[in-house]
Amino acid sequence: MLKLDHLTVIAPTLTEGVAHVRSCLDIDVPFGQRHPYMGTHNHLLQLGDTVYLEIVALDPDGTPPGRARWFGLDNQRAVRADWDAGRRLRGWVARTDTIDVVLAGRQGLFGGKVSLPWTEPSFEFSVPDDGSLPLDGAAPSIIDRRGKPRSMATMADRGARLRSLALEHPDAAVISALYQSLDIDRPPVVVQGDSLRYRAQIETSAGMKELF
C-alpha cells in the first residue's frame, strides 16, 4: 500500500515558493536542507500525521548531479510556465516499504529506483530518466525510506494540518482508476477539470486556507 508522504510546491526559486505559501497560508515556512546529490534545496513544514509540505527549487549554488534532477527541475522553462499559470502545488510523493514491488512493470510511469544520497544511501526515490513528473504530476513520485519514518523532529510545526487534497484533471476517471490500482491509502480526490491542478485544504490557526 502507498501512503501520502508529502506535498510538493515546485518553484522557480525558493524565495518565490516561500512567498506563495505565505500568501496562501499566512505561514512563513523555514529552510529545510540542501540536496547536494540532486542540486536542489527546500523549505519544509509539518502538516500532521507525518505528512509535510516541501517547497523545492533548483539550487543555483548547487553542483549538477550528473543525471536528471527530480521534480522536473532541470526544465526551468516548464517550471516557470507552470508557476505563471498558477500551478504551484504541482504534485505529491507517496511512500512505501516495497518500492521494487511498486515499480515492477511500471517504470515507464514512475521511472527507475535511485538510491540516495549517492555515497551512503538512506532512501530510494523513483525518478524518470528525463527527471519529469510522473504523468505530469498526476501520479506520485515514490519514496522508500527503508523502514525508517521521516523524522519530524527538525521540521517546523506551525500548527498547519492537511484536511483534504483534490486533483482536477481532464481524464479524472483514468486517474482515479490508476490510484485504485496502486492501492493508495487516502489518495487525492480526483474531479473533472480543464487542466491538471491540485488544491489542498489546510487548517491553520487563522482558519481553513487553500494551497494551490
N, C-alpha and C. Protein backbone atom coordinates (compact mmCIF):
# COMPACT_ATOMS: atom_id res chain seq x y z
N MET A 1 0.84 -1.20 0.00
CA MET A 1 0.00 0.00 0.00
C MET A 1 0.87 1.25 0.00
N LEU A 2 0.46 2.23 -0.77
CA LEU A 2 1.13 3.53 -0.79
C LEU A 2 0.40 4.50 0.13
N LYS A 3 1.17 5.39 0.75
CA LYS A 3 0.59 6.40 1.63
C LYS A 3 1.16 7.77 1.27
N LEU A 4 0.35 8.78 1.48
CA LEU A 4 0.81 10.15 1.23
C LEU A 4 1.97 10.46 2.16
N ASP A 5 3.09 10.88 1.57
CA ASP A 5 4.27 11.26 2.35
C ASP A 5 4.39 12.77 2.45
N HIS A 6 4.39 13.44 1.30
CA HIS A 6 4.42 14.90 1.35
C HIS A 6 3.92 15.53 0.06
N LEU A 7 3.51 16.78 0.17
CA LEU A 7 3.08 17.60 -0.95
C LEU A 7 4.26 18.41 -1.45
N THR A 8 4.28 18.72 -2.75
CA THR A 8 5.40 19.46 -3.31
C THR A 8 4.94 20.72 -4.04
N VAL A 9 5.39 21.85 -3.54
CA VAL A 9 5.32 23.11 -4.28
C VAL A 9 6.64 23.23 -5.03
N ILE A 10 6.59 23.19 -6.35
CA ILE A 10 7.79 23.21 -7.19
C ILE A 10 7.95 24.62 -7.74
N ALA A 11 8.99 25.31 -7.25
CA ALA A 11 9.11 26.74 -7.50
C ALA A 11 10.32 27.07 -8.38
N PRO A 12 10.24 28.16 -9.15
CA PRO A 12 11.40 28.62 -9.90
C PRO A 12 12.56 29.01 -8.97
N THR A 13 12.21 29.60 -7.81
CA THR A 13 13.18 29.92 -6.77
C THR A 13 12.53 29.69 -5.42
N LEU A 14 13.35 29.43 -4.41
CA LEU A 14 12.78 29.23 -3.07
C LEU A 14 12.10 30.50 -2.57
N THR A 15 12.64 31.65 -2.92
CA THR A 15 12.03 32.92 -2.48
C THR A 15 10.60 33.02 -2.97
N GLU A 16 10.38 32.68 -4.22
CA GLU A 16 9.02 32.73 -4.78
C GLU A 16 8.13 31.67 -4.14
N GLY A 17 8.69 30.49 -3.91
CA GLY A 17 7.91 29.42 -3.29
C GLY A 17 7.45 29.78 -1.89
N VAL A 18 8.35 30.31 -1.10
CA VAL A 18 8.01 30.69 0.28
C VAL A 18 6.98 31.81 0.28
N ALA A 19 7.14 32.78 -0.61
CA ALA A 19 6.19 33.88 -0.69
C ALA A 19 4.79 33.40 -1.08
N HIS A 20 4.72 32.43 -1.99
CA HIS A 20 3.42 31.91 -2.40
C HIS A 20 2.73 31.19 -1.24
N VAL A 21 3.47 30.35 -0.53
CA VAL A 21 2.86 29.63 0.59
C VAL A 21 2.44 30.63 1.68
N ARG A 22 3.23 31.67 1.90
CA ARG A 22 2.85 32.69 2.87
C ARG A 22 1.54 33.37 2.47
N SER A 23 1.40 33.65 1.17
CA SER A 23 0.17 34.32 0.71
C SER A 23 -1.04 33.41 0.84
N CYS A 24 -0.83 32.10 0.70
CA CYS A 24 -1.95 31.15 0.80
C CYS A 24 -2.29 30.81 2.26
N LEU A 25 -1.27 30.56 3.06
CA LEU A 25 -1.49 30.03 4.41
C LEU A 25 -1.20 31.02 5.52
N ASP A 26 -0.60 32.15 5.17
CA ASP A 26 -0.16 33.12 6.18
C ASP A 26 0.83 32.47 7.15
N ILE A 27 1.72 31.67 6.60
CA ILE A 27 2.76 30.98 7.38
C ILE A 27 4.09 31.14 6.66
N ASP A 28 5.11 31.51 7.41
CA ASP A 28 6.46 31.54 6.86
C ASP A 28 7.09 30.17 7.08
N VAL A 29 7.40 29.49 6.00
CA VAL A 29 7.97 28.15 6.08
C VAL A 29 9.50 28.27 6.10
N PRO A 30 10.16 27.76 7.14
CA PRO A 30 11.61 27.92 7.25
C PRO A 30 12.39 26.97 6.34
N PHE A 31 13.66 27.31 6.17
CA PHE A 31 14.54 26.50 5.34
C PHE A 31 14.64 25.08 5.87
N GLY A 32 14.73 24.12 4.95
CA GLY A 32 14.87 22.73 5.32
C GLY A 32 16.29 22.24 5.14
N GLN A 33 16.68 21.96 3.88
CA GLN A 33 18.00 21.42 3.64
C GLN A 33 18.39 21.57 2.17
N ARG A 34 19.67 21.39 1.91
CA ARG A 34 20.17 21.31 0.55
C ARG A 34 20.31 19.84 0.19
N HIS A 35 20.15 19.56 -1.10
CA HIS A 35 20.31 18.20 -1.62
C HIS A 35 21.51 18.20 -2.57
N PRO A 36 22.73 18.08 -2.06
CA PRO A 36 23.89 18.12 -2.94
C PRO A 36 23.89 17.02 -3.98
N TYR A 37 23.20 15.92 -3.71
CA TYR A 37 23.12 14.81 -4.65
C TYR A 37 22.13 15.06 -5.78
N MET A 38 21.32 16.11 -5.67
CA MET A 38 20.36 16.44 -6.72
C MET A 38 20.47 17.89 -7.20
N GLY A 39 21.30 18.69 -6.53
CA GLY A 39 21.43 20.08 -6.93
C GLY A 39 20.17 20.88 -6.68
N THR A 40 19.45 20.55 -5.59
CA THR A 40 18.22 21.24 -5.23
C THR A 40 18.26 21.60 -3.74
N HIS A 41 17.28 22.39 -3.32
CA HIS A 41 17.15 22.71 -1.89
C HIS A 41 15.68 22.96 -1.60
N ASN A 42 15.33 23.02 -0.29
CA ASN A 42 13.92 23.09 0.05
C ASN A 42 13.64 23.84 1.36
N HIS A 43 12.36 24.13 1.56
CA HIS A 43 11.80 24.57 2.84
C HIS A 43 10.76 23.52 3.22
N LEU A 44 10.57 23.28 4.53
CA LEU A 44 9.72 22.17 4.99
C LEU A 44 8.78 22.63 6.10
N LEU A 45 7.55 22.05 6.09
CA LEU A 45 6.54 22.38 7.08
C LEU A 45 5.71 21.15 7.40
N GLN A 46 5.56 20.84 8.67
CA GLN A 46 4.70 19.71 9.06
C GLN A 46 3.23 20.02 8.75
N LEU A 47 2.51 18.98 8.32
CA LEU A 47 1.07 19.10 8.06
C LEU A 47 0.26 18.09 8.86
N GLY A 48 0.89 17.45 9.86
CA GLY A 48 0.17 16.50 10.70
C GLY A 48 0.28 15.07 10.22
N ASP A 49 0.28 14.13 11.16
CA ASP A 49 0.27 12.69 10.85
C ASP A 49 1.45 12.29 9.95
N THR A 50 2.63 12.81 10.21
CA THR A 50 3.88 12.54 9.47
C THR A 50 3.82 12.99 8.01
N VAL A 51 2.77 13.73 7.64
CA VAL A 51 2.70 14.33 6.31
C VAL A 51 3.28 15.74 6.39
N TYR A 52 3.97 16.16 5.33
CA TYR A 52 4.55 17.50 5.37
C TYR A 52 4.50 18.15 3.99
N LEU A 53 4.80 19.44 3.99
CA LEU A 53 4.87 20.23 2.76
C LEU A 53 6.32 20.51 2.45
N GLU A 54 6.69 20.31 1.19
CA GLU A 54 8.02 20.66 0.71
C GLU A 54 7.91 21.72 -0.37
N ILE A 55 8.64 22.82 -0.18
CA ILE A 55 8.83 23.81 -1.23
C ILE A 55 10.21 23.53 -1.79
N VAL A 56 10.29 23.14 -3.05
CA VAL A 56 11.56 22.69 -3.61
C VAL A 56 11.90 23.48 -4.88
N ALA A 57 13.17 23.75 -5.05
CA ALA A 57 13.64 24.51 -6.21
C ALA A 57 15.05 24.08 -6.56
N LEU A 58 15.46 24.40 -7.77
CA LEU A 58 16.85 24.19 -8.18
C LEU A 58 17.74 25.08 -7.33
N ASP A 59 18.84 24.53 -6.85
CA ASP A 59 19.80 25.27 -6.03
C ASP A 59 20.82 25.94 -6.96
N PRO A 60 20.78 27.28 -7.09
CA PRO A 60 21.70 27.93 -8.03
C PRO A 60 23.16 27.78 -7.63
N ASP A 61 23.41 27.47 -6.37
CA ASP A 61 24.79 27.27 -5.90
C ASP A 61 25.16 25.79 -5.82
N GLY A 62 24.23 24.94 -6.22
CA GLY A 62 24.48 23.51 -6.15
C GLY A 62 25.29 22.99 -7.32
N THR A 63 25.78 21.79 -7.16
CA THR A 63 26.54 21.12 -8.22
C THR A 63 25.60 20.25 -9.05
N PRO A 64 25.63 20.35 -10.37
CA PRO A 64 24.79 19.47 -11.19
C PRO A 64 25.03 18.01 -10.82
N PRO A 65 23.96 17.22 -10.69
CA PRO A 65 24.10 15.87 -10.16
C PRO A 65 24.64 14.83 -11.14
N GLY A 66 24.80 15.17 -12.40
CA GLY A 66 25.29 14.20 -13.36
C GLY A 66 24.20 13.29 -13.90
N ARG A 67 22.97 13.59 -13.54
CA ARG A 67 21.79 12.89 -14.06
C ARG A 67 20.63 13.87 -13.93
N ALA A 68 19.47 13.49 -14.44
CA ALA A 68 18.31 14.37 -14.36
C ALA A 68 17.90 14.58 -12.91
N ARG A 69 17.61 15.83 -12.57
CA ARG A 69 17.11 16.14 -11.23
C ARG A 69 15.67 15.63 -11.09
N TRP A 70 15.25 15.49 -9.84
CA TRP A 70 13.85 15.10 -9.58
C TRP A 70 12.92 16.30 -9.76
N PHE A 71 11.62 16.01 -9.78
CA PHE A 71 10.54 17.00 -9.84
C PHE A 71 10.59 17.89 -11.09
N GLY A 72 11.23 17.40 -12.16
CA GLY A 72 11.27 18.17 -13.39
C GLY A 72 12.05 19.46 -13.31
N LEU A 73 12.94 19.59 -12.33
CA LEU A 73 13.59 20.87 -12.08
C LEU A 73 14.69 21.21 -13.07
N ASP A 74 15.08 20.29 -13.93
CA ASP A 74 16.02 20.64 -15.00
C ASP A 74 15.35 21.50 -16.07
N ASN A 75 14.05 21.33 -16.22
CA ASN A 75 13.32 22.09 -17.24
C ASN A 75 12.77 23.37 -16.61
N GLN A 76 13.64 24.34 -16.44
CA GLN A 76 13.24 25.57 -15.76
C GLN A 76 12.20 26.37 -16.55
N ARG A 77 12.21 26.23 -17.86
CA ARG A 77 11.19 26.92 -18.65
C ARG A 77 9.80 26.38 -18.32
N ALA A 78 9.68 25.06 -18.19
CA ALA A 78 8.39 24.46 -17.83
C ALA A 78 8.00 24.80 -16.40
N VAL A 79 8.97 24.80 -15.50
CA VAL A 79 8.69 25.17 -14.10
C VAL A 79 8.12 26.58 -14.05
N ARG A 80 8.75 27.50 -14.78
CA ARG A 80 8.27 28.88 -14.80
C ARG A 80 6.90 28.98 -15.44
N ALA A 81 6.67 28.26 -16.52
CA ALA A 81 5.37 28.32 -17.19
C ALA A 81 4.26 27.82 -16.27
N ASP A 82 4.50 26.71 -15.58
CA ASP A 82 3.51 26.20 -14.62
C ASP A 82 3.27 27.22 -13.51
N TRP A 83 4.36 27.79 -13.04
CA TRP A 83 4.25 28.76 -11.95
C TRP A 83 3.41 29.96 -12.36
N ASP A 84 3.70 30.49 -13.53
CA ASP A 84 2.97 31.66 -14.00
C ASP A 84 1.51 31.34 -14.31
N ALA A 85 1.23 30.06 -14.59
CA ALA A 85 -0.16 29.63 -14.84
C ALA A 85 -0.91 29.33 -13.54
N GLY A 86 -0.24 29.49 -12.41
CA GLY A 86 -0.88 29.26 -11.12
C GLY A 86 -0.86 27.81 -10.68
N ARG A 87 -0.09 26.98 -11.38
CA ARG A 87 0.04 25.56 -10.98
C ARG A 87 1.31 25.45 -10.13
N ARG A 88 1.14 25.66 -8.84
CA ARG A 88 2.30 25.78 -7.95
C ARG A 88 2.40 24.61 -7.00
N LEU A 89 1.28 24.17 -6.47
CA LEU A 89 1.25 22.87 -5.80
C LEU A 89 1.18 21.84 -6.93
N ARG A 90 2.34 21.27 -7.28
CA ARG A 90 2.45 20.52 -8.53
C ARG A 90 2.39 19.02 -8.40
N GLY A 91 2.46 18.52 -7.18
CA GLY A 91 2.43 17.07 -7.07
C GLY A 91 2.57 16.60 -5.64
N TRP A 92 2.83 15.31 -5.51
CA TRP A 92 2.96 14.72 -4.19
C TRP A 92 3.82 13.47 -4.29
N VAL A 93 4.30 13.06 -3.12
CA VAL A 93 5.16 11.90 -3.02
C VAL A 93 4.48 10.87 -2.14
N ALA A 94 4.47 9.62 -2.61
CA ALA A 94 3.87 8.52 -1.84
C ALA A 94 4.99 7.63 -1.31
N ARG A 95 4.81 7.14 -0.10
CA ARG A 95 5.85 6.28 0.48
C ARG A 95 5.40 4.83 0.51
N THR A 96 6.40 3.97 0.46
CA THR A 96 6.19 2.54 0.50
C THR A 96 7.38 1.89 1.18
N ASP A 97 7.22 0.69 1.64
CA ASP A 97 8.34 -0.10 2.16
C ASP A 97 8.77 -1.16 1.15
N THR A 98 8.12 -1.17 -0.01
CA THR A 98 8.41 -2.18 -1.04
C THR A 98 8.48 -1.52 -2.41
N ILE A 99 9.45 -0.65 -2.60
CA ILE A 99 9.50 0.13 -3.84
C ILE A 99 9.71 -0.76 -5.06
N ASP A 100 10.44 -1.86 -4.91
CA ASP A 100 10.65 -2.74 -6.06
C ASP A 100 9.34 -3.33 -6.55
N VAL A 101 8.46 -3.66 -5.62
CA VAL A 101 7.15 -4.21 -5.98
C VAL A 101 6.31 -3.15 -6.69
N VAL A 102 6.34 -1.93 -6.16
CA VAL A 102 5.55 -0.85 -6.76
C VAL A 102 6.03 -0.53 -8.17
N LEU A 103 7.34 -0.52 -8.37
CA LEU A 103 7.88 -0.14 -9.67
C LEU A 103 7.86 -1.26 -10.70
N ALA A 104 7.71 -2.49 -10.25
CA ALA A 104 7.74 -3.63 -11.17
C ALA A 104 6.68 -3.47 -12.27
N GLY A 105 7.11 -3.40 -13.50
CA GLY A 105 6.21 -3.23 -14.63
C GLY A 105 5.68 -1.83 -14.80
N ARG A 106 6.12 -0.89 -13.94
CA ARG A 106 5.60 0.48 -14.00
C ARG A 106 6.71 1.51 -14.17
N GLN A 107 7.89 1.08 -14.59
CA GLN A 107 8.99 2.04 -14.70
C GLN A 107 8.74 3.05 -15.81
N GLY A 108 7.91 2.70 -16.76
CA GLY A 108 7.53 3.67 -17.78
C GLY A 108 6.72 4.81 -17.22
N LEU A 109 6.06 4.55 -16.11
CA LEU A 109 5.26 5.57 -15.44
C LEU A 109 6.10 6.34 -14.42
N PHE A 110 6.76 5.59 -13.53
CA PHE A 110 7.44 6.23 -12.40
C PHE A 110 8.93 6.47 -12.62
N GLY A 111 9.53 5.78 -13.56
CA GLY A 111 10.97 5.82 -13.71
C GLY A 111 11.64 4.75 -12.87
N GLY A 112 12.95 4.81 -12.82
CA GLY A 112 13.71 3.81 -12.09
C GLY A 112 13.98 4.20 -10.66
N LYS A 113 14.46 3.25 -9.90
CA LYS A 113 14.80 3.47 -8.49
C LYS A 113 16.19 4.08 -8.39
N VAL A 114 16.29 5.17 -7.65
CA VAL A 114 17.58 5.83 -7.42
C VAL A 114 17.86 5.81 -5.92
N SER A 115 19.00 5.28 -5.53
CA SER A 115 19.39 5.24 -4.12
C SER A 115 20.12 6.52 -3.75
N LEU A 116 19.65 7.19 -2.70
CA LEU A 116 20.19 8.49 -2.31
C LEU A 116 20.42 8.56 -0.79
N PRO A 117 21.38 9.42 -0.36
CA PRO A 117 22.43 10.06 -1.14
C PRO A 117 23.35 9.02 -1.81
N TRP A 118 24.14 9.47 -2.76
CA TRP A 118 24.93 8.53 -3.56
C TRP A 118 25.91 7.73 -2.71
N THR A 119 26.58 8.39 -1.76
CA THR A 119 27.68 7.73 -1.03
C THR A 119 27.18 6.77 0.04
N GLU A 120 26.23 7.23 0.86
CA GLU A 120 25.67 6.38 1.91
C GLU A 120 24.15 6.44 1.82
N PRO A 121 23.56 5.66 0.92
CA PRO A 121 22.11 5.77 0.69
C PRO A 121 21.29 5.44 1.94
N SER A 122 20.26 6.27 2.16
CA SER A 122 19.33 6.02 3.26
C SER A 122 17.90 5.89 2.78
N PHE A 123 17.67 6.16 1.48
CA PHE A 123 16.32 6.00 0.93
C PHE A 123 16.41 5.80 -0.57
N GLU A 124 15.30 5.31 -1.14
CA GLU A 124 15.17 5.16 -2.58
C GLU A 124 14.07 6.09 -3.08
N PHE A 125 14.26 6.60 -4.29
CA PHE A 125 13.29 7.52 -4.87
C PHE A 125 13.14 7.19 -6.35
N SER A 126 11.91 7.26 -6.84
CA SER A 126 11.67 6.98 -8.26
C SER A 126 11.85 8.25 -9.06
N VAL A 127 12.69 8.18 -10.09
CA VAL A 127 12.93 9.34 -10.95
C VAL A 127 12.97 8.87 -12.40
N PRO A 128 12.09 9.35 -13.26
CA PRO A 128 12.18 9.03 -14.68
C PRO A 128 13.54 9.46 -15.25
N ASP A 129 13.96 8.84 -16.32
CA ASP A 129 15.27 9.14 -16.91
C ASP A 129 15.42 10.61 -17.26
N ASP A 130 14.32 11.24 -17.67
CA ASP A 130 14.40 12.66 -18.03
C ASP A 130 14.06 13.58 -16.87
N GLY A 131 13.80 13.00 -15.69
CA GLY A 131 13.52 13.79 -14.50
C GLY A 131 12.11 14.35 -14.41
N SER A 132 11.26 14.04 -15.37
CA SER A 132 9.93 14.63 -15.41
C SER A 132 9.04 14.10 -14.29
N LEU A 133 7.97 14.82 -14.01
CA LEU A 133 6.97 14.37 -13.04
C LEU A 133 6.15 13.24 -13.66
N PRO A 134 5.87 12.18 -12.92
CA PRO A 134 5.05 11.08 -13.45
C PRO A 134 3.67 11.58 -13.88
N LEU A 135 3.32 11.31 -15.11
CA LEU A 135 2.05 11.78 -15.68
C LEU A 135 1.86 13.27 -15.45
N ASP A 136 2.95 14.04 -15.62
CA ASP A 136 2.93 15.49 -15.43
C ASP A 136 2.50 15.87 -14.01
N GLY A 137 2.72 14.96 -13.06
CA GLY A 137 2.38 15.25 -11.67
C GLY A 137 1.08 14.62 -11.20
N ALA A 138 0.31 14.04 -12.11
CA ALA A 138 -0.94 13.39 -11.69
C ALA A 138 -0.67 12.11 -10.91
N ALA A 139 0.42 11.44 -11.23
CA ALA A 139 0.85 10.26 -10.45
C ALA A 139 1.94 10.70 -9.48
N PRO A 140 2.02 10.06 -8.33
CA PRO A 140 3.02 10.47 -7.34
C PRO A 140 4.41 9.99 -7.71
N SER A 141 5.41 10.67 -7.18
CA SER A 141 6.74 10.08 -7.09
C SER A 141 6.73 9.11 -5.92
N ILE A 142 7.61 8.11 -5.96
CA ILE A 142 7.61 7.07 -4.93
C ILE A 142 8.90 7.15 -4.11
N ILE A 143 8.73 7.07 -2.78
CA ILE A 143 9.88 7.06 -1.88
C ILE A 143 9.81 5.85 -0.97
N ASP A 144 10.96 5.25 -0.73
CA ASP A 144 11.09 4.13 0.20
C ASP A 144 12.19 4.50 1.19
N ARG A 145 11.82 4.70 2.44
CA ARG A 145 12.77 5.13 3.46
C ARG A 145 13.41 3.96 4.20
N ARG A 146 13.32 2.79 3.61
CA ARG A 146 13.94 1.59 4.18
C ARG A 146 13.45 1.29 5.59
N GLY A 147 12.14 1.47 5.78
CA GLY A 147 11.53 1.12 7.06
C GLY A 147 11.67 2.16 8.14
N LYS A 148 12.34 3.27 7.84
CA LYS A 148 12.53 4.31 8.86
C LYS A 148 11.68 5.52 8.50
N PRO A 149 10.69 5.87 9.34
CA PRO A 149 9.84 7.01 9.03
C PRO A 149 10.64 8.31 9.02
N ARG A 150 10.19 9.26 8.22
CA ARG A 150 10.84 10.57 8.16
C ARG A 150 10.77 11.25 9.51
N SER A 151 11.90 11.67 10.02
CA SER A 151 11.93 12.35 11.31
C SER A 151 11.27 13.72 11.20
N MET A 152 10.35 14.01 12.11
CA MET A 152 9.70 15.32 12.16
C MET A 152 10.41 16.25 13.14
N ALA A 153 11.39 15.74 13.85
CA ALA A 153 12.00 16.48 14.96
C ALA A 153 12.63 17.79 14.52
N THR A 154 13.19 17.83 13.32
CA THR A 154 13.87 19.03 12.86
C THR A 154 13.02 19.83 11.87
N MET A 155 11.76 19.46 11.73
CA MET A 155 10.87 20.13 10.78
C MET A 155 9.91 21.05 11.52
N ALA A 156 9.73 22.25 11.02
CA ALA A 156 8.89 23.24 11.67
C ALA A 156 7.44 22.78 11.76
N ASP A 157 6.83 23.01 12.91
CA ASP A 157 5.40 22.74 13.11
C ASP A 157 4.75 24.06 13.50
N ARG A 158 4.00 24.63 12.57
CA ARG A 158 3.31 25.90 12.81
C ARG A 158 1.81 25.68 13.03
N GLY A 159 1.43 24.43 13.32
CA GLY A 159 0.04 24.12 13.60
C GLY A 159 -0.81 23.88 12.36
N ALA A 160 -0.21 23.89 11.19
CA ALA A 160 -0.96 23.64 9.96
C ALA A 160 -1.27 22.15 9.83
N ARG A 161 -2.49 21.83 9.41
CA ARG A 161 -2.90 20.44 9.28
C ARG A 161 -3.65 20.23 7.96
N LEU A 162 -3.19 19.27 7.19
CA LEU A 162 -3.84 18.96 5.92
C LEU A 162 -5.18 18.30 6.18
N ARG A 163 -6.23 18.85 5.60
CA ARG A 163 -7.57 18.29 5.77
C ARG A 163 -8.07 17.59 4.52
N SER A 164 -7.65 18.03 3.34
CA SER A 164 -8.05 17.34 2.11
C SER A 164 -7.14 17.78 0.97
N LEU A 165 -7.04 16.89 -0.01
CA LEU A 165 -6.24 17.15 -1.21
C LEU A 165 -7.06 16.73 -2.41
N ALA A 166 -7.23 17.63 -3.36
CA ALA A 166 -8.02 17.34 -4.55
C ALA A 166 -7.19 17.61 -5.80
N LEU A 167 -7.45 16.82 -6.82
CA LEU A 167 -6.79 16.97 -8.12
C LEU A 167 -7.86 17.17 -9.19
N GLU A 168 -7.79 18.29 -9.89
CA GLU A 168 -8.60 18.49 -11.08
C GLU A 168 -7.83 17.94 -12.27
N HIS A 169 -8.51 17.18 -13.13
CA HIS A 169 -7.80 16.56 -14.25
C HIS A 169 -8.77 16.30 -15.40
N PRO A 170 -8.31 16.50 -16.66
CA PRO A 170 -9.20 16.26 -17.81
C PRO A 170 -9.63 14.80 -17.94
N ASP A 171 -8.82 13.86 -17.44
CA ASP A 171 -9.17 12.45 -17.50
C ASP A 171 -9.34 11.91 -16.08
N ALA A 172 -10.29 12.47 -15.36
CA ALA A 172 -10.46 12.15 -13.95
C ALA A 172 -10.71 10.66 -13.72
N ALA A 173 -11.50 10.02 -14.57
CA ALA A 173 -11.80 8.60 -14.38
C ALA A 173 -10.55 7.74 -14.53
N VAL A 174 -9.69 8.10 -15.48
CA VAL A 174 -8.45 7.35 -15.70
C VAL A 174 -7.53 7.48 -14.49
N ILE A 175 -7.39 8.68 -13.96
CA ILE A 175 -6.51 8.89 -12.81
C ILE A 175 -7.07 8.21 -11.57
N SER A 176 -8.38 8.26 -11.38
CA SER A 176 -9.00 7.57 -10.25
C SER A 176 -8.74 6.07 -10.32
N ALA A 177 -8.85 5.51 -11.52
CA ALA A 177 -8.60 4.08 -11.69
C ALA A 177 -7.13 3.75 -11.42
N LEU A 178 -6.23 4.63 -11.81
CA LEU A 178 -4.81 4.43 -11.53
C LEU A 178 -4.57 4.40 -10.03
N TYR A 179 -5.12 5.36 -9.31
CA TYR A 179 -4.95 5.39 -7.85
C TYR A 179 -5.47 4.10 -7.21
N GLN A 180 -6.60 3.63 -7.71
CA GLN A 180 -7.17 2.40 -7.15
C GLN A 180 -6.26 1.21 -7.43
N SER A 181 -5.69 1.14 -8.61
CA SER A 181 -4.81 0.03 -8.97
C SER A 181 -3.52 0.05 -8.15
N LEU A 182 -3.11 1.23 -7.72
CA LEU A 182 -1.89 1.36 -6.93
C LEU A 182 -2.12 1.12 -5.44
N ASP A 183 -3.37 0.94 -5.05
CA ASP A 183 -3.71 0.67 -3.64
C ASP A 183 -3.17 1.79 -2.76
N ILE A 184 -3.62 3.02 -3.07
CA ILE A 184 -3.18 4.20 -2.32
C ILE A 184 -4.13 4.46 -1.16
N ASP A 185 -3.56 4.61 0.02
CA ASP A 185 -4.34 4.94 1.20
C ASP A 185 -4.67 6.43 1.18
N ARG A 186 -5.95 6.75 1.16
CA ARG A 186 -6.43 8.14 1.13
C ARG A 186 -5.77 8.97 0.03
N PRO A 187 -5.99 8.57 -1.21
CA PRO A 187 -5.40 9.32 -2.33
C PRO A 187 -6.10 10.66 -2.50
N PRO A 188 -5.56 11.55 -3.32
CA PRO A 188 -6.28 12.78 -3.63
C PRO A 188 -7.64 12.47 -4.24
N VAL A 189 -8.61 13.30 -3.93
CA VAL A 189 -9.92 13.20 -4.56
C VAL A 189 -9.78 13.77 -5.98
N VAL A 190 -10.16 12.98 -6.98
CA VAL A 190 -9.99 13.40 -8.36
C VAL A 190 -11.32 13.88 -8.92
N VAL A 191 -11.31 15.09 -9.48
CA VAL A 191 -12.52 15.66 -10.07
C VAL A 191 -12.20 16.10 -11.49
N GLN A 192 -13.23 16.15 -12.32
CA GLN A 192 -13.04 16.56 -13.70
C GLN A 192 -12.69 18.04 -13.77
N GLY A 193 -11.71 18.36 -14.60
CA GLY A 193 -11.32 19.75 -14.77
C GLY A 193 -10.66 19.96 -16.12
N ASP A 194 -10.48 21.20 -16.50
CA ASP A 194 -9.91 21.51 -17.81
C ASP A 194 -8.42 21.22 -17.88
N SER A 195 -7.73 21.30 -16.75
CA SER A 195 -6.29 21.07 -16.72
C SER A 195 -5.90 20.49 -15.37
N LEU A 196 -4.68 19.94 -15.30
CA LEU A 196 -4.20 19.36 -14.06
C LEU A 196 -3.95 20.47 -13.05
N ARG A 197 -4.59 20.35 -11.89
CA ARG A 197 -4.44 21.38 -10.87
C ARG A 197 -4.77 20.78 -9.49
N TYR A 198 -3.85 20.96 -8.55
CA TYR A 198 -4.06 20.49 -7.18
C TYR A 198 -4.56 21.62 -6.30
N ARG A 199 -5.40 21.24 -5.34
CA ARG A 199 -5.84 22.17 -4.31
C ARG A 199 -5.85 21.43 -2.97
N ALA A 200 -5.19 22.00 -1.99
CA ALA A 200 -5.13 21.40 -0.66
C ALA A 200 -5.82 22.32 0.33
N GLN A 201 -6.73 21.73 1.11
CA GLN A 201 -7.37 22.46 2.19
C GLN A 201 -6.56 22.21 3.46
N ILE A 202 -6.05 23.30 4.03
CA ILE A 202 -5.16 23.19 5.18
C ILE A 202 -5.70 24.06 6.31
N GLU A 203 -5.88 23.43 7.46
CA GLU A 203 -6.36 24.16 8.63
C GLU A 203 -5.19 24.83 9.32
N THR A 204 -5.34 26.11 9.60
CA THR A 204 -4.29 26.87 10.27
C THR A 204 -4.88 27.57 11.49
N SER A 205 -4.02 28.24 12.25
CA SER A 205 -4.51 28.97 13.44
C SER A 205 -5.44 30.10 13.05
N ALA A 206 -5.36 30.53 11.78
CA ALA A 206 -6.23 31.62 11.30
C ALA A 206 -7.43 31.08 10.54
N GLY A 207 -7.67 29.76 10.60
CA GLY A 207 -8.80 29.17 9.91
C GLY A 207 -8.38 28.31 8.73
N MET A 208 -9.37 27.85 7.95
CA MET A 208 -9.10 26.99 6.82
C MET A 208 -8.57 27.83 5.65
N LYS A 209 -7.47 27.33 5.06
CA LYS A 209 -6.83 28.02 3.95
C LYS A 209 -6.68 27.03 2.79
N GLU A 210 -6.50 27.57 1.58
CA GLU A 210 -6.29 26.73 0.40
C GLU A 210 -4.92 27.00 -0.19
N LEU A 211 -4.20 25.91 -0.43
CA LEU A 211 -2.92 25.97 -1.12
C LEU A 211 -3.10 25.38 -2.51
N PHE A 212 -2.59 26.07 -3.52
CA PHE A 212 -2.78 25.63 -4.89
C PHE A 212 -1.50 25.81 -5.68
